[in-house]
Amino acid sequence: VCVPHDEAERRVEGALAAGGRLVSAERAPAFWVLADLEGNEVCVT
């Protein structure tokens, strides 16, 4: 999911608040890897 750079952290925080899990922020701000409870991943880019 490609988002404007000035909204990325807010989107990541929203996903975590909704029950997501941070898998990696190693490449931020290029992308963050998140996962749901079933292990499905999404990159906020």
ModelCIF file with pLDDT and N, C-alpha, C, O atoms, coordinates in Angstrom:
data_MODEL
#
_entry.id   MODEL 
#
_entity.id                         1 
_entity.type                       polymer 
_entity.pdbx_number_of_molecules   1 
#
_entity_poly.entity_id                      1 
_entity_poly.type                           'polypeptide(L)' 
_entity_poly.nstd_linkage                   no 
_entity_poly.nstd_monomer                   no 
_entity_poly.pdbx_seq_one_letter_code       VCVPHDEAERRVEGALAAGGRLVSAERAPAFWVLADLEGNEVCVT 
_entity_poly.pdbx_seq_one_letter_code_can   VCVPHDEAERRVEGALAAGGRLVSAERAPAFWVLADLEGNEVCVT 
_entity_poly.pdbx_strand_id                 A 
#
loop_
_entity_poly_seq.entity_id 
_entity_poly_seq.num 
_entity_poly_seq.mon_id 
_entity_poly_seq.hetero 
1 1  VAL n 
1 2  CYS n 
1 3  VAL n 
1 4  PRO n 
1 5  HIS n 
1 6  ASP n 
1 7  GLU n 
1 8  ALA n 
1 9  GLU n 
1 10 ARG n 
1 11 ARG n 
1 12 VAL n 
1 13 GLU n 
1 14 GLY n 
1 15 ALA n 
1 16 LEU n 
1 17 ALA n 
1 18 ALA n 
1 19 GLY n 
1 20 GLY n 
1 21 ARG n 
1 22 LEU n 
1 23 VAL n 
1 24 SER n 
1 25 ALA n 
1 26 GLU n 
1 27 ARG n 
1 28 ALA n 
1 29 PRO n 
1 30 ALA n 
1 31 PHE n 
1 32 TRP n 
1 33 VAL n 
1 34 LEU n 
1 35 ALA n 
1 36 ASP n 
1 37 LEU n 
1 38 GLU n 
1 39 GLY n 
1 40 ASN n 
1 41 GLU n 
1 42 VAL n 
1 43 CYS n 
1 44 VAL n 
1 45 THR n 
#
_struct_asym.id          A 
_struct_asym.entity_id   1 
#
loop_
_ma_qa_metric.id 
_ma_qa_metric.mode 
_ma_qa_metric.name 
_ma_qa_metric.software_group_id 
_ma_qa_metric.type 
1 global pLDDT . pLDDT 
2 local  pLDDT . pLDDT 
#
_ma_qa_metric_global.metric_id      1 
_ma_qa_metric_global.metric_value   95.09 
_ma_qa_metric_global.model_id       1 
_ma_qa_metric_global.ordinal_id     1 
#
loop_
_ma_qa_metric_local.label_asym_id 
_ma_qa_metric_local.label_comp_id 
_ma_qa_metric_local.label_seq_id 
_ma_qa_metric_local.metric_id 
_ma_qa_metric_local.metric_value 
_ma_qa_metric_local.model_id 
_ma_qa_metric_local.ordinal_id 
A VAL 1  2 95.00 1 1  
A CYS 2  2 96.00 1 2  
A VAL 3  2 96.00 1 3  
A PRO 4  2 96.00 1 4  
A HIS 5  2 94.00 1 5  
A ASP 6  2 95.00 1 6  
A GLU 7  2 96.00 1 7  
A ALA 8  2 96.00 1 8  
A GLU 9  2 96.00 1 9  
A ARG 10 2 97.00 1 10 
A ARG 11 2 96.00 1 11 
A VAL 12 2 97.00 1 12 
A GLU 13 2 97.00 1 13 
A GLY 14 2 97.00 1 14 
A ALA 15 2 96.00 1 15 
A LEU 16 2 98.00 1 16 
A ALA 17 2 98.00 1 17 
A ALA 18 2 96.00 1 18 
A GLY 19 2 96.00 1 19 
A GLY 20 2 96.00 1 20 
A ARG 21 2 96.00 1 21 
A LEU 22 2 98.00 1 22 
A VAL 23 2 96.00 1 23 
A SER 24 2 97.00 1 24 
A ALA 25 2 97.00 1 25 
A GLU 26 2 96.00 1 26 
A ARG 27 2 94.00 1 27 
A ALA 28 2 95.00 1 28 
A PRO 29 2 94.00 1 29 
A ALA 30 2 95.00 1 30 
A PHE 31 2 95.00 1 31 
A TRP 32 2 97.00 1 32 
A VAL 33 2 97.00 1 33 
A LEU 34 2 96.00 1 34 
A ALA 35 2 94.00 1 35 
A ASP 36 2 91.00 1 36 
A LEU 37 2 89.00 1 37 
A GLU 38 2 85.00 1 38 
A GLY 39 2 87.00 1 39 
A ASN 40 2 90.00 1 40 
A GLU 41 2 92.00 1 41 
A VAL 42 2 95.00 1 42 
A CYS 43 2 96.00 1 43 
A VAL 44 2 97.00 1 44 
A THR 45 2 96.00 1 45 
#
loop_
_atom_site.group_PDB 
_atom_site.id 
_atom_site.type_symbol 
_atom_site.label_atom_id 
_atom_site.label_alt_id 
_atom_site.label_comp_id 
_atom_site.label_asym_id 
_atom_site.label_entity_id 
_atom_site.label_seq_id 
_atom_site.pdbx_PDB_ins_code 
_atom_site.Cartn_x 
_atom_site.Cartn_y 
_atom_site.Cartn_z 
_atom_site.occupancy 
_atom_site.B_iso_or_equiv 
_atom_site.pdbx_formal_charge 
_atom_site.auth_seq_id 
_atom_site.auth_comp_id 
_atom_site.auth_asym_id 
_atom_site.auth_atom_id 
_atom_site.pdbx_PDB_model_num 
ATOM 1   N N  . VAL A 1 1  ? 0.863  -1.178  0.000  1.00 95.00 ? 1  VAL A N  1 
ATOM 2   C CA . VAL A 1 1  ? 0.000  0.000   0.000  1.00 95.00 ? 1  VAL A CA 1 
ATOM 3   C C  . VAL A 1 1  ? 0.895  1.222   0.000  1.00 95.00 ? 1  VAL A C  1 
ATOM 4   O O  . VAL A 1 1  ? 1.588  1.493   0.981  1.00 95.00 ? 1  VAL A O  1 
ATOM 5   N N  . CYS A 1 2  ? 0.881  1.957   -1.096 1.00 96.00 ? 2  CYS A N  1 
ATOM 6   C CA . CYS A 1 2  ? 1.700  3.158   -1.219 1.00 96.00 ? 2  CYS A CA 1 
ATOM 7   C C  . CYS A 1 2  ? 0.900  4.348   -0.706 1.00 96.00 ? 2  CYS A C  1 
ATOM 8   O O  . CYS A 1 2  ? -0.212 4.606   -1.167 1.00 96.00 ? 2  CYS A O  1 
ATOM 9   N N  . VAL A 1 3  ? 1.475  5.073   0.253  1.00 96.00 ? 3  VAL A N  1 
ATOM 10  C CA . VAL A 1 3  ? 0.805  6.219   0.862  1.00 96.00 ? 3  VAL A CA 1 
ATOM 11  C C  . VAL A 1 3  ? 1.715  7.438   0.773  1.00 96.00 ? 3  VAL A C  1 
ATOM 12  O O  . VAL A 1 3  ? 2.924  7.291   0.590  1.00 96.00 ? 3  VAL A O  1 
ATOM 13  N N  . PRO A 1 4  ? 1.154  8.643   0.901  1.00 96.00 ? 4  PRO A N  1 
ATOM 14  C CA . PRO A 1 4  ? 1.995  9.831   0.940  1.00 96.00 ? 4  PRO A CA 1 
ATOM 15  C C  . PRO A 1 4  ? 2.967  9.747   2.121  1.00 96.00 ? 4  PRO A C  1 
ATOM 16  O O  . PRO A 1 4  ? 2.605  9.284   3.203  1.00 96.00 ? 4  PRO A O  1 
ATOM 17  N N  . HIS A 1 5  ? 4.190  10.196  1.903  1.00 94.00 ? 5  HIS A N  1 
ATOM 18  C CA . HIS A 1 5  ? 5.221  10.037  2.934  1.00 94.00 ? 5  HIS A CA 1 
ATOM 19  C C  . HIS A 1 5  ? 4.843  10.692  4.255  1.00 94.00 ? 5  HIS A C  1 
ATOM 20  O O  . HIS A 1 5  ? 5.260  10.233  5.318  1.00 94.00 ? 5  HIS A O  1 
ATOM 21  N N  . ASP A 1 6  ? 4.050  11.769  4.196  1.00 95.00 ? 6  ASP A N  1 
ATOM 22  C CA . ASP A 1 6  ? 3.690  12.458  5.432  1.00 95.00 ? 6  ASP A CA 1 
ATOM 23  C C  . ASP A 1 6  ? 2.522  11.803  6.172  1.00 95.00 ? 6  ASP A C  1 
ATOM 24  O O  . ASP A 1 6  ? 2.133  12.273  7.241  1.00 95.00 ? 6  ASP A O  1 
ATOM 25  N N  . GLU A 1 7  ? 1.955  10.723  5.617  1.00 96.00 ? 7  GLU A N  1 
ATOM 26  C CA . GLU A 1 7  ? 0.890  9.980   6.285  1.00 96.00 ? 7  GLU A CA 1 
ATOM 27  C C  . GLU A 1 7  ? 1.307  8.573   6.700  1.00 96.00 ? 7  GLU A C  1 
ATOM 28  O O  . GLU A 1 7  ? 0.553  7.890   7.392  1.00 96.00 ? 7  GLU A O  1 
ATOM 29  N N  . ALA A 1 8  ? 2.472  8.136   6.297  1.00 96.00 ? 8  ALA A N  1 
ATOM 30  C CA . ALA A 1 8  ? 2.868  6.742   6.490  1.00 96.00 ? 8  ALA A CA 1 
ATOM 31  C C  . ALA A 1 8  ? 2.874  6.319   7.961  1.00 96.00 ? 8  ALA A C  1 
ATOM 32  O O  . ALA A 1 8  ? 2.300  5.287   8.307  1.00 96.00 ? 8  ALA A O  1 
ATOM 33  N N  . GLU A 1 9  ? 3.506  7.095   8.814  1.00 96.00 ? 9  GLU A N  1 
ATOM 34  C CA . GLU A 1 9  ? 3.575  6.689   10.220 1.00 96.00 ? 9  GLU A CA 1 
ATOM 35  C C  . GLU A 1 9  ? 2.195  6.639   10.859 1.00 96.00 ? 9  GLU A C  1 
ATOM 36  O O  . GLU A 1 9  ? 1.927  5.768   11.686 1.00 96.00 ? 9  GLU A O  1 
ATOM 37  N N  . ARG A 1 10 ? 1.316  7.563   10.483 1.00 97.00 ? 10 ARG A N  1 
ATOM 38  C CA . ARG A 1 10 ? -0.053 7.544   11.015 1.00 97.00 ? 10 ARG A CA 1 
ATOM 39  C C  . ARG A 1 10 ? -0.792 6.293   10.552 1.00 97.00 ? 10 ARG A C  1 
ATOM 40  O O  . ARG A 1 10 ? -1.547 5.700   11.323 1.00 97.00 ? 10 ARG A O  1 
ATOM 41  N N  . ARG A 1 11 ? -0.582 5.890   9.313  1.00 96.00 ? 11 ARG A N  1 
ATOM 42  C CA . ARG A 1 11 ? -1.221 4.672   8.794  1.00 96.00 ? 11 ARG A CA 1 
ATOM 43  C C  . ARG A 1 11 ? -0.701 3.426   9.511  1.00 96.00 ? 11 ARG A C  1 
ATOM 44  O O  . ARG A 1 11 ? -1.473 2.525   9.840  1.00 96.00 ? 11 ARG A O  1 
ATOM 45  N N  . VAL A 1 12 ? 0.617  3.380   9.752  1.00 97.00 ? 12 VAL A N  1 
ATOM 46  C CA . VAL A 1 12 ? 1.200  2.242   10.471 1.00 97.00 ? 12 VAL A CA 1 
ATOM 47  C C  . VAL A 1 12 ? 0.635  2.193   11.886 1.00 97.00 ? 12 VAL A C  1 
ATOM 48  O O  . VAL A 1 12 ? 0.230  1.130   12.357 1.00 97.00 ? 12 VAL A O  1 
ATOM 49  N N  . GLU A 1 13 ? 0.606  3.334   12.564 1.00 97.00 ? 13 GLU A N  1 
ATOM 50  C CA . GLU A 1 13 ? 0.065  3.384   13.929 1.00 97.00 ? 13 GLU A CA 1 
ATOM 51  C C  . GLU A 1 13 ? -1.396 2.936   13.958 1.00 97.00 ? 13 GLU A C  1 
ATOM 52  O O  . GLU A 1 13 ? -1.810 2.234   14.881 1.00 97.00 ? 13 GLU A O  1 
ATOM 53  N N  . GLY A 1 14 ? -2.170 3.334   12.961 1.00 97.00 ? 14 GLY A N  1 
ATOM 54  C CA . GLY A 1 14 ? -3.565 2.916   12.879 1.00 97.00 ? 14 GLY A CA 1 
ATOM 55  C C  . GLY A 1 14 ? -3.709 1.413   12.710 1.00 97.00 ? 14 GLY A C  1 
ATOM 56  O O  . GLY A 1 14 ? -4.573 0.792   13.327 1.00 97.00 ? 14 GLY A O  1 
ATOM 57  N N  . ALA A 1 15 ? -2.867 0.836   11.879 1.00 96.00 ? 15 ALA A N  1 
ATOM 58  C CA . ALA A 1 15 ? -2.912 -0.614  11.672 1.00 96.00 ? 15 ALA A CA 1 
ATOM 59  C C  . ALA A 1 15 ? -2.529 -1.362  12.951 1.00 96.00 ? 15 ALA A C  1 
ATOM 60  O O  . ALA A 1 15 ? -3.131 -2.385  13.277 1.00 96.00 ? 15 ALA A O  1 
ATOM 61  N N  . LEU A 1 16 ? -1.539 -0.859  13.664 1.00 98.00 ? 16 LEU A N  1 
ATOM 62  C CA . LEU A 1 16 ? -1.140 -1.491  14.931 1.00 98.00 ? 16 LEU A CA 1 
ATOM 63  C C  . LEU A 1 16 ? -2.250 -1.365  15.968 1.00 98.00 ? 16 LEU A C  1 
ATOM 64  O O  . LEU A 1 16 ? -2.507 -2.312  16.711 1.00 98.00 ? 16 LEU A O  1 
ATOM 65  N N  . ALA A 1 17 ? -2.910 -0.217  16.031 1.00 98.00 ? 17 ALA A N  1 
ATOM 66  C CA . ALA A 1 17 ? -4.005 -0.011  16.974 1.00 98.00 ? 17 ALA A CA 1 
ATOM 67  C C  . ALA A 1 17 ? -5.194 -0.929  16.671 1.00 98.00 ? 17 ALA A C  1 
ATOM 68  O O  . ALA A 1 17 ? -5.958 -1.286  17.568 1.00 98.00 ? 17 ALA A O  1 
ATOM 69  N N  . ALA A 1 18 ? -5.338 -1.303  15.401 1.00 96.00 ? 18 ALA A N  1 
ATOM 70  C CA . ALA A 1 18 ? -6.428 -2.181  14.995 1.00 96.00 ? 18 ALA A CA 1 
ATOM 71  C C  . ALA A 1 18 ? -6.091 -3.664  15.186 1.00 96.00 ? 18 ALA A C  1 
ATOM 72  O O  . ALA A 1 18 ? -6.899 -4.526  14.842 1.00 96.00 ? 18 ALA A O  1 
ATOM 73  N N  . GLY A 1 19 ? -4.913 -3.967  15.728 1.00 96.00 ? 19 GLY A N  1 
ATOM 74  C CA . GLY A 1 19 ? -4.554 -5.361  15.998 1.00 96.00 ? 19 GLY A CA 1 
ATOM 75  C C  . GLY A 1 19 ? -3.459 -5.923  15.127 1.00 96.00 ? 19 GLY A C  1 
ATOM 76  O O  . GLY A 1 19 ? -3.110 -7.097  15.254 1.00 96.00 ? 19 GLY A O  1 
ATOM 77  N N  . GLY A 1 20 ? -2.909 -5.110  14.242 1.00 96.00 ? 20 GLY A N  1 
ATOM 78  C CA . GLY A 1 20 ? -1.796 -5.572  13.404 1.00 96.00 ? 20 GLY A CA 1 
ATOM 79  C C  . GLY A 1 20 ? -0.517 -5.692  14.220 1.00 96.00 ? 20 GLY A C  1 
ATOM 80  O O  . GLY A 1 20 ? -0.433 -5.236  15.360 1.00 96.00 ? 20 GLY A O  1 
ATOM 81  N N  . ARG A 1 21 ? 0.461  -6.312  13.608 1.00 96.00 ? 21 ARG A N  1 
ATOM 82  C CA . ARG A 1 21 ? 1.754  -6.528  14.260 1.00 96.00 ? 21 ARG A CA 1 
ATOM 83  C C  . ARG A 1 21 ? 2.847  -5.998  13.345 1.00 96.00 ? 21 ARG A C  1 
ATOM 84  O O  . ARG A 1 21 ? 2.817  -6.227  12.136 1.00 96.00 ? 21 ARG A O  1 
ATOM 85  N N  . LEU A 1 22 ? 3.813  -5.287  13.926 1.00 98.00 ? 22 LEU A N  1 
ATOM 86  C CA . LEU A 1 22 ? 4.951  -4.801  13.153 1.00 98.00 ? 22 LEU A CA 1 
ATOM 87  C C  . LEU A 1 22 ? 5.943  -5.940  12.971 1.00 98.00 ? 22 LEU A C  1 
ATOM 88  O O  . LEU A 1 22 ? 6.461  -6.485  13.946 1.00 98.00 ? 22 LEU A O  1 
ATOM 89  N N  . VAL A 1 23 ? 6.203  -6.294  11.727 1.00 96.00 ? 23 VAL A N  1 
ATOM 90  C CA . VAL A 1 23 ? 7.167  -7.345  11.408 1.00 96.00 ? 23 VAL A CA 1 
ATOM 91  C C  . VAL A 1 23 ? 8.557  -6.732  11.255 1.00 96.00 ? 23 VAL A C  1 
ATOM 92  O O  . VAL A 1 23 ? 9.542  -7.273  11.757 1.00 96.00 ? 23 VAL A O  1 
ATOM 93  N N  . SER A 1 24 ? 8.626  -5.588  10.550 1.00 97.00 ? 24 SER A N  1 
ATOM 94  C CA . SER A 1 24 ? 9.919  -4.948  10.334 1.00 97.00 ? 24 SER A CA 1 
ATOM 95  C C  . SER A 1 24 ? 9.735  -3.483  9.981  1.00 97.00 ? 24 SER A C  1 
ATOM 96  O O  . SER A 1 24 ? 8.844  -3.115  9.215  1.00 97.00 ? 24 SER A O  1 
ATOM 97  N N  . ALA A 1 25 ? 10.598 -2.655  10.557 1.00 97.00 ? 25 ALA A N  1 
ATOM 98  C CA . ALA A 1 25 ? 10.685 -1.245  10.180 1.00 97.00 ? 25 ALA A CA 1 
ATOM 99  C C  . ALA A 1 25 ? 12.111 -0.942  9.734  1.00 97.00 ? 25 ALA A C  1 
ATOM 100 O O  . ALA A 1 25 ? 12.522 0.217   9.676  1.00 97.00 ? 25 ALA A O  1 
ATOM 101 N N  . GLU A 1 26 ? 12.851 -1.982  9.423  1.00 96.00 ? 26 GLU A N  1 
ATOM 102 C CA . GLU A 1 26 ? 14.257 -1.868  9.048  1.00 96.00 ? 26 GLU A CA 1 
ATOM 103 C C  . GLU A 1 26 ? 14.470 -0.961  7.839  1.00 96.00 ? 26 GLU A C  1 
ATOM 104 O O  . GLU A 1 26 ? 15.485 -0.270  7.760  1.00 96.00 ? 26 GLU A O  1 
ATOM 105 N N  . ARG A 1 27 ? 13.532 -0.955  6.902  1.00 94.00 ? 27 ARG A N  1 
ATOM 106 C CA . ARG A 1 27 ? 13.687 -0.170  5.667  1.00 94.00 ? 27 ARG A CA 1 
ATOM 107 C C  . ARG A 1 27 ? 12.860 1.118   5.669  1.00 94.00 ? 27 ARG A C  1 
ATOM 108 O O  . ARG A 1 27 ? 12.758 1.786   4.640  1.00 94.00 ? 27 ARG A O  1 
ATOM 109 N N  . ALA A 1 28 ? 12.269 1.470   6.816  1.00 95.00 ? 28 ALA A N  1 
ATOM 110 C CA . ALA A 1 28 ? 11.497 2.715   6.898  1.00 95.00 ? 28 ALA A CA 1 
ATOM 111 C C  . ALA A 1 28 ? 12.434 3.894   6.667  1.00 95.00 ? 28 ALA A C  1 
ATOM 112 O O  . ALA A 1 28 ? 13.573 3.853   7.133  1.00 95.00 ? 28 ALA A O  1 
ATOM 113 N N  . PRO A 1 29 ? 12.018 4.910   5.988  1.00 94.00 ? 29 PRO A N  1 
ATOM 114 C CA . PRO A 1 29 ? 10.657 5.225   5.573  1.00 94.00 ? 29 PRO A CA 1 
ATOM 115 C C  . PRO A 1 29 ? 10.271 4.691   4.194  1.00 94.00 ? 29 PRO A C  1 
ATOM 116 O O  . PRO A 1 29 ? 9.200  5.029   3.691  1.00 94.00 ? 29 PRO A O  1 
ATOM 117 N N  . ALA A 1 30 ? 11.102 3.878   3.580  1.00 95.00 ? 30 ALA A N  1 
ATOM 118 C CA . ALA A 1 30 ? 10.723 3.296   2.293  1.00 95.00 ? 30 ALA A CA 1 
ATOM 119 C C  . ALA A 1 30 ? 9.545  2.346   2.464  1.00 95.00 ? 30 ALA A C  1 
ATOM 120 O O  . ALA A 1 30 ? 8.589  2.394   1.691  1.00 95.00 ? 30 ALA A O  1 
ATOM 121 N N  . PHE A 1 31 ? 9.612  1.477   3.481  1.00 95.00 ? 31 PHE A N  1 
ATOM 122 C CA . PHE A 1 31 ? 8.463  0.616   3.788  1.00 95.00 ? 31 PHE A CA 1 
ATOM 123 C C  . PHE A 1 31 ? 8.560  -0.004  5.165  1.00 95.00 ? 31 PHE A C  1 
ATOM 124 O O  . PHE A 1 31 ? 9.642  -0.227  5.709  1.00 95.00 ? 31 PHE A O  1 
ATOM 125 N N  . TRP A 1 32 ? 7.370  -0.275  5.710  1.00 97.00 ? 32 TRP A N  1 
ATOM 126 C CA . TRP A 1 32 ? 7.187  -1.002  6.957  1.00 97.00 ? 32 TRP A CA 1 
ATOM 127 C C  . TRP A 1 32 ? 6.453  -2.281  6.596  1.00 97.00 ? 32 TRP A C  1 
ATOM 128 O O  . TRP A 1 32 ? 5.557  -2.255  5.752  1.00 97.00 ? 32 TRP A O  1 
ATOM 129 N N  . VAL A 1 33 ? 6.812  -3.402  7.216  1.00 97.00 ? 33 VAL A N  1 
ATOM 130 C CA . VAL A 1 33 ? 6.117  -4.665  6.983  1.00 97.00 ? 33 VAL A CA 1 
ATOM 131 C C  . VAL A 1 33 ? 5.253  -4.940  8.209  1.00 97.00 ? 33 VAL A C  1 
ATOM 132 O O  . VAL A 1 33 ? 5.744  -4.976  9.337  1.00 97.00 ? 33 VAL A O  1 
ATOM 133 N N  . LEU A 1 34 ? 3.958  -5.133  7.969  1.00 96.00 ? 34 LEU A N  1 
ATOM 134 C CA . LEU A 1 34 ? 3.000  -5.422  9.028  1.00 96.00 ? 34 LEU A CA 1 
ATOM 135 C C  . LEU A 1 34 ? 2.357  -6.773  8.746  1.00 96.00 ? 34 LEU A C  1 
ATOM 136 O O  . LEU A 1 34 ? 2.411  -7.268  7.620  1.00 96.00 ? 34 LEU A O  1 
ATOM 137 N N  . ALA A 1 35 ? 1.750  -7.369  9.769  1.00 94.00 ? 35 ALA A N  1 
ATOM 138 C CA . ALA A 1 35 ? 1.046  -8.637  9.583  1.00 94.00 ? 35 ALA A CA 1 
ATOM 139 C C  . ALA A 1 35 ? -0.230 -8.643  10.412 1.00 94.00 ? 35 ALA A C  1 
ATOM 140 O O  . ALA A 1 35 ? -0.325 -7.974  11.441 1.00 94.00 ? 35 ALA A O  1 
ATOM 141 N N  . ASP A 1 36 ? -1.212 -9.413  9.944  1.00 91.00 ? 36 ASP A N  1 
ATOM 142 C CA . ASP A 1 36 ? -2.428 -9.608  10.727 1.00 91.00 ? 36 ASP A CA 1 
ATOM 143 C C  . ASP A 1 36 ? -2.262 -10.846 11.599 1.00 91.00 ? 36 ASP A C  1 
ATOM 144 O O  . ASP A 1 36 ? -1.197 -11.465 11.609 1.00 91.00 ? 36 ASP A O  1 
ATOM 145 N N  . LEU A 1 37 ? -3.308 -11.207 12.328 1.00 89.00 ? 37 LEU A N  1 
ATOM 146 C CA . LEU A 1 37 ? -3.228 -12.346 13.242 1.00 89.00 ? 37 LEU A CA 1 
ATOM 147 C C  . LEU A 1 37 ? -2.967 -13.671 12.541 1.00 89.00 ? 37 LEU A C  1 
ATOM 148 O O  . LEU A 1 37 ? -2.445 -14.602 13.155 1.00 89.00 ? 37 LEU A O  1 
ATOM 149 N N  . GLU A 1 38 ? -3.324 -13.769 11.265 1.00 85.00 ? 38 GLU A N  1 
ATOM 150 C CA . GLU A 1 38 ? -3.113 -15.000 10.501 1.00 85.00 ? 38 GLU A CA 1 
ATOM 151 C C  . GLU A 1 38 ? -1.764 -15.040 9.800  1.00 85.00 ? 38 GLU A C  1 
ATOM 152 O O  . GLU A 1 38 ? -1.441 -16.024 9.136  1.00 85.00 ? 38 GLU A O  1 
ATOM 153 N N  . GLY A 1 39 ? -0.975 -13.984 9.941  1.00 87.00 ? 39 GLY A N  1 
ATOM 154 C CA . GLY A 1 39 ? 0.341  -13.958 9.321  1.00 87.00 ? 39 GLY A CA 1 
ATOM 155 C C  . GLY A 1 39 ? 0.378  -13.359 7.935  1.00 87.00 ? 39 GLY A C  1 
ATOM 156 O O  . GLY A 1 39 ? 1.436  -13.324 7.308  1.00 87.00 ? 39 GLY A O  1 
ATOM 157 N N  . ASN A 1 40 ? -0.778 -12.877 7.430  1.00 90.00 ? 40 ASN A N  1 
ATOM 158 C CA . ASN A 1 40 ? -0.792 -12.208 6.132  1.00 90.00 ? 40 ASN A CA 1 
ATOM 159 C C  . ASN A 1 40 ? -0.074 -10.879 6.273  1.00 90.00 ? 40 ASN A C  1 
ATOM 160 O O  . ASN A 1 40 ? -0.299 -10.144 7.235  1.00 90.00 ? 40 ASN A O  1 
ATOM 161 N N  . GLU A 1 41 ? 0.776  -10.575 5.333  1.00 92.00 ? 41 GLU A N  1 
ATOM 162 C CA . GLU A 1 41 ? 1.604  -9.378  5.428  1.00 92.00 ? 41 GLU A CA 1 
ATOM 163 C C  . GLU A 1 41 ? 1.136  -8.280  4.479  1.00 92.00 ? 41 GLU A C  1 
ATOM 164 O O  . GLU A 1 41 ? 0.535  -8.538  3.436  1.00 92.00 ? 41 GLU A O  1 
ATOM 165 N N  . VAL A 1 42 ? 1.432  -7.055  4.880  1.00 95.00 ? 42 VAL A N  1 
ATOM 166 C CA . VAL A 1 42 ? 1.196  -5.883  4.049  1.00 95.00 ? 42 VAL A CA 1 
ATOM 167 C C  . VAL A 1 42 ? 2.380  -4.946  4.258  1.00 95.00 ? 42 VAL A C  1 
ATOM 168 O O  . VAL A 1 42 ? 2.874  -4.796  5.375  1.00 95.00 ? 42 VAL A O  1 
ATOM 169 N N  . CYS A 1 43 ? 2.824  -4.328  3.193  1.00 96.00 ? 43 CYS A N  1 
ATOM 170 C CA . CYS A 1 43 ? 3.874  -3.315  3.295  1.00 96.00 ? 43 CYS A CA 1 
ATOM 171 C C  . CYS A 1 43 ? 3.234  -1.954  3.089  1.00 96.00 ? 43 CYS A C  1 
ATOM 172 O O  . CYS A 1 43 ? 2.543  -1.723  2.096  1.00 96.00 ? 43 CYS A O  1 
ATOM 173 N N  . VAL A 1 44 ? 3.468  -1.060  4.031  1.00 97.00 ? 44 VAL A N  1 
ATOM 174 C CA . VAL A 1 44 ? 3.089  0.335   3.871  1.00 97.00 ? 44 VAL A CA 1 
ATOM 175 C C  . VAL A 1 44 ? 4.316  1.011   3.285  1.00 97.00 ? 44 VAL A C  1 
ATOM 176 O O  . VAL A 1 44 ? 5.371  1.053   3.918  1.00 97.00 ? 44 VAL A O  1 
ATOM 177 N N  . THR A 1 45 ? 4.179  1.538   2.081  1.00 96.00 ? 45 THR A N  1 
ATOM 178 C CA . THR A 1 45 ? 5.333  2.045   1.343  1.00 96.00 ? 45 THR A CA 1 
ATOM 179 C C  . THR A 1 45 ? 5.212  3.531   1.045  1.00 96.00 ? 45 THR A C  1 
ATOM 180 O O  . THR A 1 45 ? 6.104  4.112   0.427  1.00 96.00 ? 45 THR A O  1 
#
